[in-house]
Amino acid sequence: MKKGIHPDYHPITVVMTNGSTFRTRSTWGKPGDSLQLEVDPTCHIAWTKEQHFVEKGRLARFNQRFQMGKFTVAQNN
């Protein structure tokens, strides 16, 4: 490796959303910094396979405005 062209690789602490921590090495921040995660494998749908619907967007605003239930698509049998 050439000298002086690579970022510093140092230990940091990663804090998960549930409060647990682990130490790793990274180029992020300064030595000894803590990286607070907003999304991690304990809460993200890609790992948990549980989907949580958030009422946002045009359909949710329409339903709220006109006091209707959730939009459902009729299935033809």
N, C-alpha and C. Protein backbone atom coordinates (compact mmCIF):
# COMPACT_ATOMS: atom_id res chain seq x y z
N MET A 1 0.84 -1.19 0.00
CA MET A 1 0.00 0.00 0.00
C MET A 1 0.87 1.24 0.00
N LYS A 2 0.43 2.25 -0.71
CA LYS A 2 1.14 3.51 -0.71
C LYS A 2 0.89 4.23 0.60
N LYS A 3 1.88 4.91 1.09
CA LYS A 3 1.77 5.66 2.34
C LYS A 3 1.04 6.98 2.09
N GLY A 4 0.18 7.36 3.05
CA GLY A 4 -0.46 8.67 3.03
C GLY A 4 -1.68 8.83 2.14
N ILE A 5 -2.14 7.78 1.46
CA ILE A 5 -3.31 7.95 0.60
C ILE A 5 -4.55 7.24 1.15
N HIS A 6 -4.40 6.43 2.19
CA HIS A 6 -5.52 5.68 2.74
C HIS A 6 -6.01 6.32 4.04
N PRO A 7 -7.32 6.28 4.30
CA PRO A 7 -7.85 6.85 5.54
C PRO A 7 -7.41 6.03 6.76
N ASP A 8 -7.44 6.68 7.92
CA ASP A 8 -7.07 6.03 9.17
C ASP A 8 -8.11 4.97 9.53
N TYR A 9 -7.65 3.79 9.89
CA TYR A 9 -8.51 2.66 10.26
C TYR A 9 -8.35 2.45 11.75
N HIS A 10 -9.40 2.70 12.54
CA HIS A 10 -9.29 2.73 14.00
C HIS A 10 -10.52 2.08 14.66
N PRO A 11 -10.43 1.77 15.95
CA PRO A 11 -11.58 1.16 16.65
C PRO A 11 -12.66 2.19 16.98
N ILE A 12 -13.93 1.78 16.81
CA ILE A 12 -15.08 2.59 17.22
C ILE A 12 -16.08 1.69 17.93
N THR A 13 -17.06 2.28 18.59
CA THR A 13 -18.14 1.55 19.24
C THR A 13 -19.42 1.78 18.46
N VAL A 14 -20.13 0.70 18.12
CA VAL A 14 -21.40 0.80 17.41
C VAL A 14 -22.52 0.54 18.41
N VAL A 15 -23.49 1.45 18.48
CA VAL A 15 -24.61 1.33 19.40
C VAL A 15 -25.85 0.98 18.58
N MET A 16 -26.43 -0.20 18.84
CA MET A 16 -27.61 -0.67 18.11
C MET A 16 -28.86 0.05 18.63
N THR A 17 -29.99 -0.11 17.94
CA THR A 17 -31.23 0.56 18.33
C THR A 17 -31.76 0.07 19.67
N ASN A 18 -31.45 -1.17 20.05
CA ASN A 18 -31.92 -1.70 21.34
C ASN A 18 -30.98 -1.37 22.48
N GLY A 19 -29.89 -0.64 22.21
CA GLY A 19 -28.96 -0.23 23.26
C GLY A 19 -27.73 -1.09 23.39
N SER A 20 -27.71 -2.26 22.77
CA SER A 20 -26.53 -3.10 22.85
C SER A 20 -25.40 -2.47 22.02
N THR A 21 -24.17 -2.79 22.39
CA THR A 21 -23.02 -2.21 21.72
C THR A 21 -22.02 -3.29 21.32
N PHE A 22 -21.20 -2.96 20.35
CA PHE A 22 -20.06 -3.81 20.02
C PHE A 22 -18.96 -2.93 19.45
N ARG A 23 -17.73 -3.42 19.54
CA ARG A 23 -16.58 -2.67 19.04
C ARG A 23 -16.14 -3.27 17.71
N THR A 24 -15.76 -2.38 16.81
CA THR A 24 -15.27 -2.79 15.51
C THR A 24 -14.24 -1.78 15.04
N ARG A 25 -13.67 -2.03 13.88
CA ARG A 25 -12.72 -1.09 13.31
C ARG A 25 -13.36 -0.45 12.08
N SER A 26 -13.10 0.85 11.89
CA SER A 26 -13.73 1.58 10.80
C SER A 26 -12.91 2.80 10.43
N THR A 27 -13.23 3.38 9.29
CA THR A 27 -12.64 4.65 8.89
C THR A 27 -13.56 5.80 9.29
N TRP A 28 -14.75 5.49 9.84
CA TRP A 28 -15.72 6.50 10.24
C TRP A 28 -15.26 7.19 11.52
N GLY A 29 -15.43 8.49 11.61
CA GLY A 29 -15.18 9.25 12.83
C GLY A 29 -13.73 9.25 13.27
N LYS A 30 -13.57 9.38 14.59
CA LYS A 30 -12.24 9.41 15.20
C LYS A 30 -12.10 8.20 16.11
N PRO A 31 -10.88 7.83 16.48
CA PRO A 31 -10.71 6.69 17.38
C PRO A 31 -11.51 6.87 18.67
N GLY A 32 -12.28 5.83 19.04
CA GLY A 32 -13.07 5.87 20.26
C GLY A 32 -14.46 6.45 20.11
N ASP A 33 -14.84 6.98 18.93
CA ASP A 33 -16.18 7.54 18.71
C ASP A 33 -17.24 6.44 18.78
N SER A 34 -18.48 6.86 19.03
CA SER A 34 -19.62 5.94 19.03
C SER A 34 -20.52 6.24 17.85
N LEU A 35 -20.87 5.20 17.10
CA LEU A 35 -21.78 5.32 15.97
C LEU A 35 -23.15 4.83 16.41
N GLN A 36 -24.13 5.74 16.47
CA GLN A 36 -25.50 5.41 16.90
C GLN A 36 -26.30 5.02 15.67
N LEU A 37 -26.77 3.77 15.59
CA LEU A 37 -27.53 3.31 14.44
C LEU A 37 -29.01 3.66 14.59
N GLU A 38 -29.64 4.05 13.48
CA GLU A 38 -31.08 4.28 13.46
C GLU A 38 -31.82 3.05 12.97
N VAL A 39 -31.18 2.26 12.13
CA VAL A 39 -31.74 1.02 11.60
C VAL A 39 -30.66 -0.04 11.70
N ASP A 40 -31.03 -1.20 12.21
CA ASP A 40 -30.07 -2.30 12.32
C ASP A 40 -30.79 -3.63 12.10
N PRO A 41 -30.08 -4.74 12.09
CA PRO A 41 -30.70 -6.04 11.81
C PRO A 41 -31.78 -6.46 12.82
N THR A 42 -31.83 -5.85 14.00
CA THR A 42 -32.84 -6.25 14.97
C THR A 42 -34.20 -5.61 14.71
N CYS A 43 -34.25 -4.57 13.85
CA CYS A 43 -35.53 -3.89 13.64
C CYS A 43 -35.89 -3.69 12.17
N HIS A 44 -35.02 -3.97 11.23
CA HIS A 44 -35.30 -3.70 9.83
C HIS A 44 -36.02 -4.87 9.18
N ILE A 45 -36.98 -4.58 8.31
CA ILE A 45 -37.81 -5.60 7.67
C ILE A 45 -36.99 -6.59 6.85
N ALA A 46 -35.87 -6.15 6.30
CA ALA A 46 -35.05 -7.04 5.48
C ALA A 46 -34.53 -8.23 6.29
N TRP A 47 -34.36 -8.05 7.60
CA TRP A 47 -33.87 -9.14 8.44
C TRP A 47 -34.96 -9.77 9.29
N THR A 48 -35.96 -8.98 9.70
CA THR A 48 -36.99 -9.52 10.60
C THR A 48 -38.15 -10.16 9.86
N LYS A 49 -38.35 -9.82 8.60
CA LYS A 49 -39.45 -10.32 7.78
C LYS A 49 -40.82 -9.92 8.33
N GLU A 50 -40.88 -8.89 9.15
CA GLU A 50 -42.14 -8.36 9.65
C GLU A 50 -42.34 -6.98 9.07
N GLN A 51 -43.45 -6.77 8.41
CA GLN A 51 -43.71 -5.49 7.77
C GLN A 51 -44.63 -4.65 8.64
N HIS A 52 -44.24 -3.41 8.86
CA HIS A 52 -45.04 -2.47 9.62
C HIS A 52 -45.50 -1.38 8.66
N PHE A 53 -46.80 -1.20 8.56
CA PHE A 53 -47.34 -0.21 7.65
C PHE A 53 -47.39 1.14 8.35
N VAL A 54 -46.95 2.14 7.66
CA VAL A 54 -47.00 3.50 8.16
C VAL A 54 -48.02 4.24 7.32
N GLU A 55 -48.97 4.87 7.98
CA GLU A 55 -50.02 5.58 7.27
C GLU A 55 -49.48 6.91 6.77
N LYS A 56 -48.95 6.90 5.57
CA LYS A 56 -48.44 8.11 4.93
C LYS A 56 -48.87 8.07 3.47
N GLY A 57 -48.73 9.15 2.82
CA GLY A 57 -48.99 9.18 1.40
C GLY A 57 -50.40 9.63 1.06
N ARG A 58 -50.67 9.63 -0.23
CA ARG A 58 -51.94 10.14 -0.75
C ARG A 58 -53.14 9.33 -0.30
N LEU A 59 -53.03 8.00 -0.34
CA LEU A 59 -54.16 7.16 0.03
C LEU A 59 -54.52 7.33 1.49
N ALA A 60 -53.54 7.41 2.36
CA ALA A 60 -53.80 7.59 3.78
C ALA A 60 -54.46 8.95 4.04
N ARG A 61 -53.99 9.98 3.35
CA ARG A 61 -54.61 11.30 3.51
C ARG A 61 -56.04 11.31 2.99
N PHE A 62 -56.28 10.62 1.87
CA PHE A 62 -57.63 10.52 1.32
C PHE A 62 -58.54 9.82 2.32
N ASN A 63 -58.10 8.68 2.83
CA ASN A 63 -58.92 7.92 3.79
C ASN A 63 -59.18 8.74 5.05
N GLN A 64 -58.20 9.46 5.51
CA GLN A 64 -58.37 10.27 6.72
C GLN A 64 -59.34 11.43 6.44
N ARG A 65 -59.22 12.03 5.29
CA ARG A 65 -60.07 13.16 4.94
C ARG A 65 -61.54 12.76 4.80
N PHE A 66 -61.78 11.63 4.18
CA PHE A 66 -63.14 11.20 3.95
C PHE A 66 -63.60 10.13 4.93
N GLN A 67 -62.83 9.87 5.97
CA GLN A 67 -63.18 8.95 7.05
C GLN A 67 -63.54 7.57 6.55
N MET A 68 -62.77 7.07 5.62
CA MET A 68 -63.00 5.74 5.09
C MET A 68 -61.99 4.79 5.70
N GLY A 69 -62.27 3.52 5.59
CA GLY A 69 -61.34 2.51 6.07
C GLY A 69 -60.18 2.39 5.11
N LYS A 70 -59.36 1.40 5.34
CA LYS A 70 -58.22 1.17 4.46
C LYS A 70 -58.69 0.75 3.08
N PHE A 71 -57.94 1.12 2.09
CA PHE A 71 -58.26 0.79 0.71
C PHE A 71 -58.09 -0.71 0.50
N THR A 72 -59.12 -1.33 -0.03
CA THR A 72 -59.04 -2.74 -0.33
C THR A 72 -59.41 -2.96 -1.78
N VAL A 73 -58.77 -3.89 -2.39
CA VAL A 73 -59.04 -4.21 -3.78
C VAL A 73 -59.92 -5.45 -3.81
N ALA A 74 -61.08 -5.34 -4.47
CA ALA A 74 -61.99 -6.48 -4.58
C ALA A 74 -61.37 -7.51 -5.50
N GLN A 75 -61.39 -8.75 -5.06
CA GLN A 75 -60.85 -9.82 -5.88
C GLN A 75 -61.98 -10.53 -6.59
N ASN A 76 -61.81 -10.75 -7.87
CA ASN A 76 -62.82 -11.49 -8.64
C ASN A 76 -62.54 -12.98 -8.51
N ASN A 77 -63.57 -13.72 -8.12
CA ASN A 77 -63.39 -15.17 -7.97
C ASN A 77 -63.90 -15.89 -9.18
